[in-house]
Amino acid sequence: MGSDSQSSYSDFVLIVMMSIFDQKILPAVFMNSLEFKELTQKQVFNLEARFRYVGEIVENVESWLLNDGNDFKGFLDSLELDLSVNQNLPDESEDRETSHLIHSSWTFDTTVAQLRHALSPSIIAWLDQNLPRVDCSLTEFNAWLAIQCKALREVVTEFYGAQSFSSTIAHYIAMDILLANMLAGVYKARLNADLLQQA
C-alpha cells in the first residue's frame, strides 16, 4: 500500500472511530430502562467513558497495524494495560455499574432468546472465532487483531443504533466478549517467543 493510500485509509479509520465511539448520547431504549434511571450521574459518565475508551483501544490497534506493526513487545504491553483497565477500573464500585451487574441484573427485563435473536449471524461468527495459536506467526496474529477491531466497530454501531432494550444488552455483552477474547489473545502472545522477538 502506497503512503498516500495508507494515509487516506488512516484518515478514514479515524473518521469512522470518531463517528462511532464519540457518541454523546446513549440509545434512548437503553436510557429509558429502569436500571439506567437508577444510575448516579457519575455512573452514567463512566459508562459513556467506557465506550470512548473502547474506541481508543480499537483506534490504537488499527494505527499500529497500518504502520507495519513495529515494536511488538511495546505494543503488546500497551494493549494489555488498556484492555485490563477497560475491564476493571475504576475500583470504586459505587461509581461504576460493572459489566457483571449489567450482564446479570439488567437482563431481568429480557430473555436469553431475545438477546440471541438481536445478534446478527456475522456477530455470532466473530464471537465464536478461535483465538490465535500460541505459536502463530505475526501475520496470523495481526489478521486476528484486525478482525477483532472490525467486530468491535460493528457491535458498538449496533448498540448505538438499537431499537430495543434487549438489543442494547445483547450488543453490550457481545462487546465484552470481544474485549475478553482480545485480552486472552494478548495473554497467549506472551508465550510466543517469535512474536516477542519482533522489532
N, C-alpha and C. Protein backbone atom coordinates (compact mmCIF):
# COMPACT_ATOMS: atom_id res chain seq x y z
N MET A 1 0.86 -1.20 0.00
CA MET A 1 0.00 0.00 0.00
C MET A 1 0.89 1.24 0.00
N GLY A 2 0.68 2.16 -0.93
CA GLY A 2 1.47 3.36 -1.01
C GLY A 2 1.20 4.28 0.15
N SER A 3 2.13 5.25 0.37
CA SER A 3 1.99 6.13 1.51
C SER A 3 0.74 6.99 1.43
N ASP A 4 0.37 7.44 0.19
CA ASP A 4 -0.81 8.28 0.04
C ASP A 4 -2.08 7.50 0.36
N SER A 5 -2.16 6.27 -0.17
CA SER A 5 -3.36 5.47 0.09
C SER A 5 -3.43 5.05 1.53
N GLN A 6 -2.24 4.77 2.13
CA GLN A 6 -2.23 4.40 3.55
C GLN A 6 -2.69 5.56 4.41
N SER A 7 -2.25 6.77 4.06
CA SER A 7 -2.66 7.95 4.80
C SER A 7 -4.16 8.17 4.68
N SER A 8 -4.70 7.98 3.47
CA SER A 8 -6.13 8.16 3.24
C SER A 8 -6.93 7.16 4.06
N TYR A 9 -6.44 5.91 4.10
CA TYR A 9 -7.14 4.88 4.87
C TYR A 9 -7.07 5.20 6.35
N SER A 10 -5.92 5.71 6.82
CA SER A 10 -5.78 6.08 8.22
C SER A 10 -6.78 7.17 8.58
N ASP A 11 -6.94 8.17 7.69
CA ASP A 11 -7.90 9.24 7.94
C ASP A 11 -9.32 8.69 7.98
N PHE A 12 -9.60 7.73 7.08
CA PHE A 12 -10.94 7.13 7.05
C PHE A 12 -11.22 6.38 8.35
N VAL A 13 -10.23 5.61 8.81
CA VAL A 13 -10.39 4.86 10.05
C VAL A 13 -10.66 5.81 11.21
N LEU A 14 -9.93 6.93 11.28
CA LEU A 14 -10.12 7.90 12.35
C LEU A 14 -11.53 8.48 12.31
N ILE A 15 -12.02 8.81 11.10
CA ILE A 15 -13.37 9.36 10.97
C ILE A 15 -14.40 8.34 11.45
N VAL A 16 -14.21 7.07 11.07
CA VAL A 16 -15.14 6.03 11.49
C VAL A 16 -15.14 5.91 13.00
N MET A 17 -13.95 5.92 13.60
CA MET A 17 -13.86 5.81 15.05
C MET A 17 -14.56 6.97 15.73
N MET A 18 -14.36 8.17 15.23
CA MET A 18 -14.98 9.34 15.85
C MET A 18 -16.49 9.25 15.74
N SER A 19 -17.01 8.80 14.60
CA SER A 19 -18.45 8.78 14.39
C SER A 19 -19.12 7.69 15.22
N ILE A 20 -18.41 6.62 15.51
CA ILE A 20 -19.00 5.51 16.25
C ILE A 20 -18.79 5.67 17.75
N PHE A 21 -17.57 5.92 18.17
CA PHE A 21 -17.23 5.84 19.57
C PHE A 21 -17.34 7.17 20.31
N ASP A 22 -17.41 8.29 19.62
CA ASP A 22 -17.52 9.58 20.28
C ASP A 22 -18.97 10.03 20.42
N GLN A 23 -19.87 9.07 20.38
CA GLN A 23 -21.29 9.39 20.56
C GLN A 23 -21.47 10.04 21.93
N LYS A 24 -22.28 11.07 22.00
CA LYS A 24 -22.53 11.75 23.26
C LYS A 24 -23.76 11.20 23.97
N ILE A 25 -24.69 10.60 23.21
CA ILE A 25 -25.95 10.16 23.79
C ILE A 25 -26.10 8.65 23.62
N LEU A 26 -26.32 7.96 24.71
CA LEU A 26 -26.56 6.53 24.66
C LEU A 26 -27.95 6.28 24.06
N PRO A 27 -28.22 5.08 23.56
CA PRO A 27 -29.52 4.80 22.93
C PRO A 27 -30.69 5.10 23.86
N ALA A 28 -31.76 5.68 23.31
CA ALA A 28 -32.93 6.04 24.12
C ALA A 28 -33.53 4.83 24.81
N VAL A 29 -33.59 3.69 24.10
CA VAL A 29 -34.17 2.49 24.70
C VAL A 29 -33.34 1.98 25.87
N PHE A 30 -32.07 2.32 25.89
CA PHE A 30 -31.17 1.97 26.99
C PHE A 30 -31.39 2.92 28.16
N MET A 31 -31.46 4.23 27.86
CA MET A 31 -31.60 5.24 28.91
C MET A 31 -32.99 5.24 29.53
N ASN A 32 -33.98 4.75 28.80
CA ASN A 32 -35.35 4.73 29.32
C ASN A 32 -35.62 3.55 30.25
N SER A 33 -34.65 2.66 30.38
CA SER A 33 -34.83 1.50 31.25
C SER A 33 -34.76 1.91 32.71
N LEU A 34 -35.45 1.16 33.55
CA LEU A 34 -35.44 1.44 34.99
C LEU A 34 -34.03 1.34 35.55
N GLU A 35 -33.27 0.36 35.06
CA GLU A 35 -31.91 0.15 35.56
C GLU A 35 -31.04 1.38 35.30
N PHE A 36 -31.16 1.93 34.08
CA PHE A 36 -30.35 3.12 33.76
C PHE A 36 -30.77 4.31 34.60
N LYS A 37 -32.07 4.49 34.80
CA LYS A 37 -32.56 5.63 35.55
C LYS A 37 -32.12 5.61 37.01
N GLU A 38 -31.72 4.44 37.49
CA GLU A 38 -31.25 4.33 38.87
C GLU A 38 -29.76 4.62 39.02
N LEU A 39 -29.07 4.84 37.90
CA LEU A 39 -27.64 5.15 37.95
C LEU A 39 -27.41 6.57 38.45
N THR A 40 -26.28 6.75 39.13
CA THR A 40 -25.89 8.09 39.53
C THR A 40 -25.28 8.81 38.32
N GLN A 41 -25.12 10.11 38.43
CA GLN A 41 -24.50 10.88 37.35
C GLN A 41 -23.09 10.38 37.08
N LYS A 42 -22.38 10.03 38.14
CA LYS A 42 -21.01 9.53 37.98
C LYS A 42 -20.99 8.19 37.26
N GLN A 43 -21.95 7.33 37.57
CA GLN A 43 -22.02 6.03 36.90
C GLN A 43 -22.33 6.19 35.42
N VAL A 44 -23.22 7.12 35.09
CA VAL A 44 -23.55 7.38 33.69
C VAL A 44 -22.31 7.89 32.95
N PHE A 45 -21.60 8.82 33.58
CA PHE A 45 -20.38 9.37 32.97
C PHE A 45 -19.37 8.26 32.69
N ASN A 46 -19.16 7.36 33.67
CA ASN A 46 -18.18 6.29 33.49
C ASN A 46 -18.63 5.29 32.43
N LEU A 47 -19.95 5.07 32.32
CA LEU A 47 -20.45 4.16 31.30
C LEU A 47 -20.20 4.73 29.91
N GLU A 48 -20.48 6.02 29.73
CA GLU A 48 -20.22 6.68 28.45
C GLU A 48 -18.72 6.70 28.15
N ALA A 49 -17.91 6.94 29.20
CA ALA A 49 -16.46 6.99 29.01
C ALA A 49 -15.91 5.64 28.60
N ARG A 50 -16.55 4.57 29.05
CA ARG A 50 -16.06 3.25 28.69
C ARG A 50 -16.13 3.01 27.19
N PHE A 51 -17.21 3.47 26.56
CA PHE A 51 -17.33 3.31 25.11
C PHE A 51 -16.25 4.12 24.39
N ARG A 52 -15.96 5.31 24.88
CA ARG A 52 -14.89 6.11 24.27
C ARG A 52 -13.55 5.41 24.42
N TYR A 53 -13.35 4.77 25.56
CA TYR A 53 -12.09 4.06 25.81
C TYR A 53 -11.96 2.86 24.86
N VAL A 54 -13.06 2.16 24.63
CA VAL A 54 -13.03 1.06 23.66
C VAL A 54 -12.63 1.60 22.29
N GLY A 55 -13.15 2.76 21.93
CA GLY A 55 -12.78 3.38 20.66
C GLY A 55 -11.30 3.68 20.58
N GLU A 56 -10.72 4.16 21.68
CA GLU A 56 -9.29 4.44 21.70
C GLU A 56 -8.48 3.17 21.52
N ILE A 57 -8.93 2.09 22.15
CA ILE A 57 -8.23 0.81 22.02
C ILE A 57 -8.24 0.35 20.56
N VAL A 58 -9.41 0.38 19.93
CA VAL A 58 -9.53 -0.05 18.53
C VAL A 58 -8.69 0.84 17.63
N GLU A 59 -8.76 2.15 17.85
CA GLU A 59 -8.01 3.08 17.02
C GLU A 59 -6.50 2.86 17.16
N ASN A 60 -6.04 2.61 18.39
CA ASN A 60 -4.61 2.38 18.62
C ASN A 60 -4.14 1.10 17.94
N VAL A 61 -4.97 0.06 18.00
CA VAL A 61 -4.60 -1.21 17.35
C VAL A 61 -4.54 -1.03 15.84
N GLU A 62 -5.54 -0.37 15.27
CA GLU A 62 -5.55 -0.19 13.82
C GLU A 62 -4.40 0.71 13.37
N SER A 63 -4.08 1.71 14.16
CA SER A 63 -2.94 2.58 13.83
C SER A 63 -1.65 1.78 13.83
N TRP A 64 -1.50 0.91 14.79
CA TRP A 64 -0.30 0.08 14.86
C TRP A 64 -0.23 -0.87 13.66
N LEU A 65 -1.35 -1.46 13.30
CA LEU A 65 -1.37 -2.36 12.16
C LEU A 65 -1.07 -1.63 10.85
N LEU A 66 -1.57 -0.40 10.71
CA LEU A 66 -1.35 0.37 9.49
C LEU A 66 0.08 0.86 9.37
N ASN A 67 0.79 0.91 10.49
CA ASN A 67 2.16 1.39 10.48
C ASN A 67 3.17 0.25 10.59
N ASP A 68 2.82 -0.88 9.97
CA ASP A 68 3.71 -2.03 9.83
C ASP A 68 4.02 -2.76 11.13
N GLY A 69 3.33 -2.45 12.21
CA GLY A 69 3.45 -3.23 13.44
C GLY A 69 4.83 -3.28 14.04
N ASN A 70 5.47 -2.13 14.22
CA ASN A 70 6.79 -2.10 14.84
C ASN A 70 6.70 -2.20 16.36
N ASP A 71 7.79 -2.63 17.00
CA ASP A 71 7.90 -2.73 18.46
C ASP A 71 6.74 -3.55 19.03
N PHE A 72 6.69 -4.81 18.69
CA PHE A 72 5.58 -5.67 19.11
C PHE A 72 5.47 -5.75 20.62
N LYS A 73 6.60 -5.89 21.30
CA LYS A 73 6.58 -6.01 22.77
C LYS A 73 5.97 -4.76 23.40
N GLY A 74 6.37 -3.59 22.95
CA GLY A 74 5.81 -2.35 23.48
C GLY A 74 4.34 -2.23 23.20
N PHE A 75 3.94 -2.61 21.98
CA PHE A 75 2.53 -2.58 21.61
C PHE A 75 1.72 -3.53 22.47
N LEU A 76 2.25 -4.73 22.70
CA LEU A 76 1.54 -5.73 23.49
C LEU A 76 1.37 -5.24 24.93
N ASP A 77 2.41 -4.64 25.49
CA ASP A 77 2.32 -4.11 26.86
C ASP A 77 1.22 -3.06 26.96
N SER A 78 1.19 -2.15 25.99
CA SER A 78 0.20 -1.08 26.00
C SER A 78 -1.21 -1.62 25.82
N LEU A 79 -1.38 -2.57 24.91
CA LEU A 79 -2.70 -3.14 24.64
C LEU A 79 -3.23 -3.91 25.85
N GLU A 80 -2.37 -4.69 26.47
CA GLU A 80 -2.80 -5.45 27.65
C GLU A 80 -3.24 -4.50 28.76
N LEU A 81 -2.49 -3.44 28.97
CA LEU A 81 -2.86 -2.47 30.01
C LEU A 81 -4.20 -1.81 29.69
N ASP A 82 -4.38 -1.38 28.44
CA ASP A 82 -5.63 -0.73 28.05
C ASP A 82 -6.83 -1.66 28.23
N LEU A 83 -6.68 -2.91 27.80
CA LEU A 83 -7.78 -3.86 27.91
C LEU A 83 -8.09 -4.17 29.37
N SER A 84 -7.06 -4.30 30.18
CA SER A 84 -7.24 -4.60 31.60
C SER A 84 -7.93 -3.45 32.31
N VAL A 85 -7.51 -2.22 32.01
CA VAL A 85 -8.13 -1.05 32.62
C VAL A 85 -9.59 -0.95 32.22
N ASN A 86 -9.87 -1.18 30.94
CA ASN A 86 -11.25 -1.09 30.46
C ASN A 86 -12.15 -2.11 31.14
N GLN A 87 -11.60 -3.24 31.49
CA GLN A 87 -12.39 -4.29 32.12
C GLN A 87 -12.59 -4.08 33.61
N ASN A 88 -11.66 -3.37 34.27
CA ASN A 88 -11.65 -3.39 35.73
C ASN A 88 -11.75 -2.06 36.45
N LEU A 89 -11.51 -0.94 35.80
CA LEU A 89 -11.47 0.33 36.51
C LEU A 89 -12.68 1.18 36.18
N PRO A 90 -13.07 2.15 37.04
CA PRO A 90 -12.46 2.47 38.31
C PRO A 90 -12.78 1.42 39.38
N ASP A 91 -12.00 1.43 40.46
CA ASP A 91 -12.15 0.43 41.51
C ASP A 91 -13.39 0.68 42.37
N GLU A 92 -13.78 1.94 42.54
CA GLU A 92 -14.89 2.26 43.42
C GLU A 92 -16.20 1.78 42.79
N SER A 93 -16.76 0.70 43.37
CA SER A 93 -17.94 0.10 42.76
C SER A 93 -19.13 1.04 42.72
N GLU A 94 -19.22 1.98 43.69
CA GLU A 94 -20.37 2.88 43.69
C GLU A 94 -20.31 3.88 42.55
N ASP A 95 -19.15 4.04 41.93
CA ASP A 95 -19.01 4.97 40.82
C ASP A 95 -19.13 4.29 39.47
N ARG A 96 -19.34 3.01 39.46
CA ARG A 96 -19.36 2.29 38.19
C ARG A 96 -20.37 1.16 38.21
N GLU A 97 -21.20 1.10 37.20
CA GLU A 97 -22.09 -0.04 37.01
C GLU A 97 -21.29 -1.09 36.26
N THR A 98 -20.83 -2.11 36.97
CA THR A 98 -19.91 -3.06 36.38
C THR A 98 -20.57 -3.90 35.29
N SER A 99 -19.74 -4.43 34.41
CA SER A 99 -20.26 -5.30 33.36
C SER A 99 -20.98 -6.50 33.96
N HIS A 100 -20.46 -6.99 35.07
CA HIS A 100 -21.10 -8.14 35.72
C HIS A 100 -22.54 -7.82 36.09
N LEU A 101 -22.79 -6.65 36.65
CA LEU A 101 -24.15 -6.28 37.03
C LEU A 101 -25.04 -6.08 35.81
N ILE A 102 -24.49 -5.48 34.76
CA ILE A 102 -25.27 -5.30 33.53
C ILE A 102 -25.61 -6.65 32.92
N HIS A 103 -24.64 -7.57 32.93
CA HIS A 103 -24.88 -8.90 32.36
C HIS A 103 -25.94 -9.67 33.16
N SER A 104 -25.98 -9.47 34.47
CA SER A 104 -26.87 -10.27 35.30
C SER A 104 -28.18 -9.54 35.62
N SER A 105 -28.11 -8.47 36.40
CA SER A 105 -29.35 -7.84 36.86
C SER A 105 -30.09 -7.07 35.77
N TRP A 106 -29.37 -6.53 34.77
CA TRP A 106 -30.04 -5.77 33.72
C TRP A 106 -30.77 -6.68 32.73
N THR A 107 -30.54 -7.97 32.79
CA THR A 107 -31.17 -8.91 31.86
C THR A 107 -32.50 -9.44 32.37
N PHE A 108 -32.96 -8.97 33.53
CA PHE A 108 -34.23 -9.44 34.07
C PHE A 108 -35.41 -9.07 33.17
N ASP A 109 -35.28 -7.95 32.45
CA ASP A 109 -36.39 -7.47 31.62
C ASP A 109 -36.36 -8.00 30.20
N THR A 110 -35.52 -8.99 29.96
CA THR A 110 -35.45 -9.59 28.63
C THR A 110 -35.30 -11.10 28.79
N THR A 111 -35.13 -11.81 27.69
CA THR A 111 -34.94 -13.25 27.75
C THR A 111 -33.68 -13.62 26.97
N VAL A 112 -33.17 -14.80 27.24
CA VAL A 112 -32.00 -15.27 26.51
C VAL A 112 -32.31 -15.36 25.02
N ALA A 113 -33.51 -15.81 24.70
CA ALA A 113 -33.90 -15.92 23.29
C ALA A 113 -33.90 -14.56 22.60
N GLN A 114 -34.38 -13.53 23.30
CA GLN A 114 -34.39 -12.18 22.72
C GLN A 114 -32.97 -11.65 22.54
N LEU A 115 -32.11 -11.92 23.52
CA LEU A 115 -30.72 -11.49 23.41
C LEU A 115 -30.04 -12.15 22.22
N ARG A 116 -30.23 -13.45 22.10
CA ARG A 116 -29.60 -14.20 21.00
C ARG A 116 -30.13 -13.73 19.65
N HIS A 117 -31.44 -13.48 19.56
CA HIS A 117 -32.05 -13.07 18.30
C HIS A 117 -31.56 -11.69 17.87
N ALA A 118 -31.14 -10.87 18.81
CA ALA A 118 -30.72 -9.50 18.50
C ALA A 118 -29.37 -9.45 17.78
N LEU A 119 -28.60 -10.53 17.87
CA LEU A 119 -27.25 -10.54 17.28
C LEU A 119 -27.27 -11.15 15.88
N SER A 120 -26.64 -10.46 14.94
CA SER A 120 -26.61 -10.92 13.55
C SER A 120 -25.71 -12.15 13.41
N PRO A 121 -25.89 -12.92 12.34
CA PRO A 121 -25.01 -14.08 12.11
C PRO A 121 -23.53 -13.71 12.06
N SER A 122 -23.21 -12.54 11.49
CA SER A 122 -21.80 -12.15 11.40
C SER A 122 -21.22 -11.89 12.80
N ILE A 123 -22.01 -11.28 13.68
CA ILE A 123 -21.52 -11.04 15.04
C ILE A 123 -21.35 -12.35 15.78
N ILE A 124 -22.30 -13.27 15.63
CA ILE A 124 -22.16 -14.58 16.27
C ILE A 124 -20.90 -15.28 15.79
N ALA A 125 -20.62 -15.18 14.50
CA ALA A 125 -19.42 -15.80 13.94
C ALA A 125 -18.16 -15.20 14.55
N TRP A 126 -18.15 -13.87 14.74
CA TRP A 126 -16.99 -13.23 15.38
C TRP A 126 -16.84 -13.68 16.82
N LEU A 127 -17.94 -13.82 17.53
CA LEU A 127 -17.88 -14.26 18.93
C LEU A 127 -17.35 -15.68 19.04
N ASP A 128 -17.63 -16.50 18.04
CA ASP A 128 -17.21 -17.91 18.04
C ASP A 128 -15.82 -18.12 17.44
N GLN A 129 -15.19 -17.05 16.98
CA GLN A 129 -13.88 -17.20 16.34
C GLN A 129 -12.85 -17.70 17.34
N ASN A 130 -11.99 -18.60 16.88
CA ASN A 130 -10.93 -19.13 17.73
C ASN A 130 -9.87 -18.07 18.02
N LEU A 131 -9.24 -18.21 19.17
CA LEU A 131 -8.08 -17.37 19.48
C LEU A 131 -6.90 -17.80 18.62
N PRO A 132 -5.92 -16.92 18.42
CA PRO A 132 -4.73 -17.33 17.66
C PRO A 132 -3.97 -18.43 18.39
N ARG A 133 -3.29 -19.28 17.64
CA ARG A 133 -2.48 -20.34 18.24
C ARG A 133 -1.35 -19.73 19.06
N VAL A 134 -0.88 -20.46 20.06
CA VAL A 134 0.25 -19.97 20.87
C VAL A 134 1.46 -19.71 19.99
N ASP A 135 1.67 -20.57 18.99
CA ASP A 135 2.85 -20.44 18.13
C ASP A 135 2.51 -19.81 16.77
N CYS A 136 1.51 -18.96 16.73
CA CYS A 136 1.12 -18.35 15.46
C CYS A 136 2.18 -17.37 14.97
N SER A 137 2.11 -17.05 13.70
CA SER A 137 3.03 -16.08 13.12
C SER A 137 2.51 -14.67 13.39
N LEU A 138 3.36 -13.67 13.15
CA LEU A 138 2.94 -12.28 13.32
C LEU A 138 1.81 -11.95 12.34
N THR A 139 1.90 -12.47 11.12
CA THR A 139 0.86 -12.23 10.13
C THR A 139 -0.49 -12.77 10.62
N GLU A 140 -0.48 -13.96 11.18
CA GLU A 140 -1.71 -14.56 11.70
C GLU A 140 -2.26 -13.75 12.87
N PHE A 141 -1.38 -13.33 13.76
CA PHE A 141 -1.82 -12.56 14.94
C PHE A 141 -2.42 -11.23 14.51
N ASN A 142 -1.74 -10.57 13.58
CA ASN A 142 -2.24 -9.27 13.11
C ASN A 142 -3.59 -9.40 12.40
N ALA A 143 -3.75 -10.46 11.62
CA ALA A 143 -5.02 -10.68 10.93
C ALA A 143 -6.14 -10.90 11.94
N TRP A 144 -5.85 -11.65 12.99
CA TRP A 144 -6.84 -11.87 14.05
C TRP A 144 -7.18 -10.55 14.75
N LEU A 145 -6.18 -9.74 15.05
CA LEU A 145 -6.44 -8.45 15.68
C LEU A 145 -7.32 -7.55 14.80
N ALA A 146 -7.04 -7.54 13.52
CA ALA A 146 -7.83 -6.72 12.60
C ALA A 146 -9.29 -7.14 12.61
N ILE A 147 -9.55 -8.44 12.68
CA ILE A 147 -10.92 -8.94 12.73
C ILE A 147 -11.59 -8.52 14.04
N GLN A 148 -10.85 -8.56 15.14
CA GLN A 148 -11.41 -8.13 16.43
C GLN A 148 -11.83 -6.66 16.38
N CYS A 149 -11.01 -5.83 15.75
CA CYS A 149 -11.34 -4.41 15.62
C CYS A 149 -12.58 -4.21 14.77
N LYS A 150 -12.66 -4.93 13.66
CA LYS A 150 -13.82 -4.83 12.78
C LYS A 150 -15.08 -5.25 13.54
N ALA A 151 -14.97 -6.32 14.31
CA ALA A 151 -16.12 -6.82 15.06
C ALA A 151 -16.55 -5.83 16.14
N LEU A 152 -15.59 -5.23 16.84
CA LEU A 152 -15.92 -4.26 17.87
C LEU A 152 -16.62 -3.05 17.29
N ARG A 153 -16.16 -2.58 16.13
CA ARG A 153 -16.83 -1.44 15.49
C ARG A 153 -18.28 -1.78 15.15
N GLU A 154 -18.47 -2.97 14.62
CA GLU A 154 -19.82 -3.37 14.23
C GLU A 154 -20.73 -3.51 15.45
N VAL A 155 -20.23 -4.12 16.50
CA VAL A 155 -21.02 -4.34 17.70
C VAL A 155 -21.42 -3.01 18.35
N VAL A 156 -20.47 -2.09 18.45
CA VAL A 156 -20.78 -0.79 19.06
C VAL A 156 -21.74 0.01 18.18
N THR A 157 -21.57 -0.09 16.87
CA THR A 157 -22.51 0.57 15.95
C THR A 157 -23.93 0.05 16.17
N GLU A 158 -24.06 -1.26 16.31
CA GLU A 158 -25.37 -1.87 16.53
C GLU A 158 -25.93 -1.48 17.90
N PHE A 159 -25.06 -1.34 18.89
CA PHE A 159 -25.51 -0.91 20.22
C PHE A 159 -26.14 0.47 20.14
N TYR A 160 -25.46 1.41 19.51
CA TYR A 160 -25.97 2.77 19.42
C TYR A 160 -27.21 2.88 18.54
N GLY A 161 -27.35 1.96 17.59
CA GLY A 161 -28.50 2.01 16.70
C GLY A 161 -29.64 1.10 17.12
N ALA A 162 -29.52 0.52 18.31
CA ALA A 162 -30.52 -0.45 18.77
C ALA A 162 -31.90 0.18 18.92
N GLN A 163 -32.92 -0.60 18.56
CA GLN A 163 -34.30 -0.14 18.67
C GLN A 163 -35.05 -0.83 19.81
N SER A 164 -34.36 -1.68 20.55
CA SER A 164 -34.97 -2.35 21.70
C SER A 164 -33.96 -2.47 22.82
N PHE A 165 -34.47 -2.55 24.04
CA PHE A 165 -33.59 -2.71 25.20
C PHE A 165 -32.81 -4.01 25.10
N SER A 166 -33.48 -5.08 24.65
CA SER A 166 -32.79 -6.37 24.52
C SER A 166 -31.59 -6.27 23.59
N SER A 167 -31.73 -5.51 22.52
CA SER A 167 -30.64 -5.35 21.56
C SER A 167 -29.45 -4.63 22.18
N THR A 168 -29.71 -3.61 22.99
CA THR A 168 -28.59 -2.89 23.62
C THR A 168 -27.82 -3.82 24.55
N ILE A 169 -28.54 -4.61 25.34
CA ILE A 169 -27.88 -5.51 26.29
C ILE A 169 -27.12 -6.61 25.55
N ALA A 170 -27.73 -7.15 24.50
CA ALA A 170 -27.06 -8.20 23.72
C ALA A 170 -25.75 -7.69 23.13
N HIS A 171 -25.77 -6.49 22.59
CA HIS A 171 -24.57 -5.96 21.97
C HIS A 171 -23.55 -5.49 23.01
N TYR A 172 -24.02 -5.08 24.18
CA TYR A 172 -23.09 -4.76 25.26
C TYR A 172 -22.35 -6.02 25.70
N ILE A 173 -23.09 -7.12 25.85
CA ILE A 173 -22.45 -8.39 26.22
C ILE A 173 -21.49 -8.84 25.12
N ALA A 174 -21.90 -8.69 23.86
CA ALA A 174 -21.02 -9.06 22.74
C ALA A 174 -19.73 -8.24 22.76
N MET A 175 -19.84 -6.96 23.09
CA MET A 175 -18.65 -6.12 23.19
C MET A 175 -17.70 -6.65 24.26
N ASP A 176 -18.26 -7.04 25.40
CA ASP A 176 -17.43 -7.56 26.48
C ASP A 176 -16.78 -8.89 26.09
N ILE A 177 -17.50 -9.72 25.34
CA ILE A 177 -16.91 -10.99 24.88
C ILE A 177 -15.72 -10.71 23.98
N LEU A 178 -15.87 -9.77 23.05
CA LEU A 178 -14.78 -9.46 22.11
C LEU A 178 -13.57 -8.88 22.85
N LEU A 179 -13.83 -8.01 23.82
CA LEU A 179 -12.73 -7.44 24.60
C LEU A 179 -12.02 -8.52 25.42
N ALA A 180 -12.80 -9.43 26.00
CA ALA A 180 -12.20 -10.53 26.76
C ALA A 180 -11.39 -11.45 25.85
N ASN A 181 -11.92 -11.72 24.66
CA ASN A 181 -11.19 -12.55 23.70
C ASN A 181 -9.87 -11.89 23.29
N MET A 182 -9.93 -10.57 23.08
CA MET A 182 -8.71 -9.85 22.70
C MET A 182 -7.68 -9.92 23.81
N LEU A 183 -8.13 -9.77 25.05
CA LEU A 183 -7.20 -9.86 26.18
C LEU A 183 -6.61 -11.26 26.29
N ALA A 184 -7.43 -12.29 26.07
CA ALA A 184 -6.93 -13.66 26.12
C ALA A 184 -5.90 -13.90 25.02
N GLY A 185 -6.13 -13.32 23.83
CA GLY A 185 -5.17 -13.45 22.74
C GLY A 185 -3.85 -12.78 23.07
N VAL A 186 -3.93 -11.65 23.76
CA VAL A 186 -2.71 -10.95 24.20
C VAL A 186 -1.95 -11.80 25.21
N TYR A 187 -2.68 -12.41 26.14
CA TYR A 187 -2.03 -13.28 27.12
C TYR A 187 -1.31 -14.43 26.42
N LYS A 188 -1.97 -15.04 25.42
CA LYS A 188 -1.34 -16.15 24.71
C LYS A 188 -0.08 -15.71 23.98
N ALA A 189 -0.09 -14.47 23.47
CA ALA A 189 1.09 -13.97 22.75
C ALA A 189 2.30 -13.87 23.65
N ARG A 190 2.08 -13.78 24.96
CA ARG A 190 3.19 -13.73 25.92
C ARG A 190 4.00 -15.03 25.91
N LEU A 191 3.41 -16.09 25.39
CA LEU A 191 4.08 -17.39 25.34
C LEU A 191 4.72 -17.66 23.98
N ASN A 192 4.66 -16.69 23.08
CA ASN A 192 5.16 -16.87 21.72
C ASN A 192 6.48 -16.13 21.56
N ALA A 193 7.57 -16.87 21.63
CA ALA A 193 8.91 -16.26 21.58
C ALA A 193 9.16 -15.55 20.26
N ASP A 194 8.66 -16.12 19.16
CA ASP A 194 8.89 -15.49 17.86
C ASP A 194 8.21 -14.12 17.78
N LEU A 195 7.02 -13.99 18.33
CA LEU A 195 6.33 -12.70 18.31
C LEU A 195 7.06 -11.68 19.17
N LEU A 196 7.48 -12.09 20.34
CA LEU A 196 8.10 -11.15 21.27
C LEU A 196 9.49 -10.71 20.81
N GLN A 197 10.07 -11.43 19.85
CA GLN A 197 11.37 -11.04 19.31
C GLN A 197 11.25 -10.11 18.12
N GLN A 198 10.00 -9.77 17.74
CA GLN A 198 9.80 -8.85 16.62
C GLN A 198 10.30 -7.47 17.00
N ALA A 199 10.94 -6.80 16.02
CA ALA A 199 11.46 -5.46 16.29
C ALA A 199 10.33 -4.47 16.48
